[in-house]
Amino acid sequence: MVNKDQVAGVAKQAKGSVKQTAGKATGNRRAEAEGDVDKATGKMQAYGDVKEKVKKAL
């Protein structure tokens, strides 16, 4: 089952990829770095499986 955190995490990863690619294409290092951060944050948020398992265990 997919929860809201997982969906938001995947969306943030996609946003980060776009921002990173745009930063590389334009030579904007800040946008590229922000994209990296968004992707990493999204990956952590997408691991909502743990949260779901805890909910089910309770």
Protein backbone atom coordinates (compact mmCIF):
# COMPACT_ATOMS: atom_id res chain seq x y z
CA MET A 1 0.00 0.00 0.00
CA VAL A 2 1.33 3.42 -0.90
CA ASN A 3 0.95 6.24 1.61
CA LYS A 4 1.11 10.01 1.22
CA ASP A 5 4.74 10.19 2.32
CA GLN A 6 5.80 7.77 -0.40
CA VAL A 7 3.96 9.71 -3.09
CA ALA A 8 5.40 13.01 -1.87
CA GLY A 9 8.86 11.46 -1.76
CA VAL A 10 8.71 10.23 -5.33
CA ALA A 11 7.43 13.63 -6.46
CA LYS A 12 10.29 15.35 -4.65
CA GLN A 13 12.79 13.00 -6.31
CA ALA A 14 11.38 13.88 -9.73
CA LYS A 15 11.49 17.59 -8.92
CA GLY A 16 15.10 17.20 -7.80
CA SER A 17 16.06 15.41 -11.00
CA VAL A 18 14.55 18.16 -13.12
CA LYS A 19 16.22 20.88 -11.06
CA GLN A 20 19.56 19.07 -11.19
CA THR A 21 19.38 18.60 -14.95
CA ALA A 22 18.39 22.23 -15.49
CA GLY A 23 21.28 23.33 -13.30
CA LYS A 24 23.74 21.24 -15.29
CA ALA A 25 22.37 22.48 -18.60
CA THR A 26 22.59 26.14 -17.60
CA GLY A 27 25.79 25.89 -15.58
CA ASN A 28 23.94 26.93 -12.42
CA ARG A 29 25.73 25.09 -9.63
CA ARG A 30 23.26 26.22 -6.99
CA ALA A 31 20.27 24.75 -8.85
CA GLU A 32 22.25 21.57 -9.42
CA ALA A 33 23.04 21.30 -5.70
CA GLU A 34 19.43 22.02 -4.74
CA GLY A 35 18.38 19.24 -7.09
CA ASP A 36 20.76 16.85 -5.35
CA VAL A 37 19.29 17.78 -1.98
CA ASP A 38 15.71 17.39 -3.22
CA LYS A 39 16.50 13.97 -4.66
CA ALA A 40 18.10 12.78 -1.42
CA THR A 41 15.23 14.14 0.67
CA GLY A 42 12.73 12.49 -1.63
CA LYS A 43 14.48 9.14 -1.35
CA MET A 44 14.30 9.28 2.42
CA GLN A 45 10.65 10.30 2.34
CA ALA A 46 9.77 7.61 -0.19
CA TYR A 47 10.74 4.94 2.32
CA GLY A 48 7.34 5.25 3.95
CA ASP A 49 7.11 1.45 4.07
CA VAL A 50 8.57 1.54 7.57
CA LYS A 51 5.88 3.97 8.67
CA GLU A 52 3.19 1.74 7.17
CA LYS A 53 4.55 -1.35 8.92
CA VAL A 54 4.55 0.44 12.25
CA LYS A 55 0.94 1.54 11.73
CA LYS A 56 -0.11 -2.02 10.91
CA ALA A 57 1.77 -3.43 13.89
CA LEU A 58 -0.13 -1.18 16.27
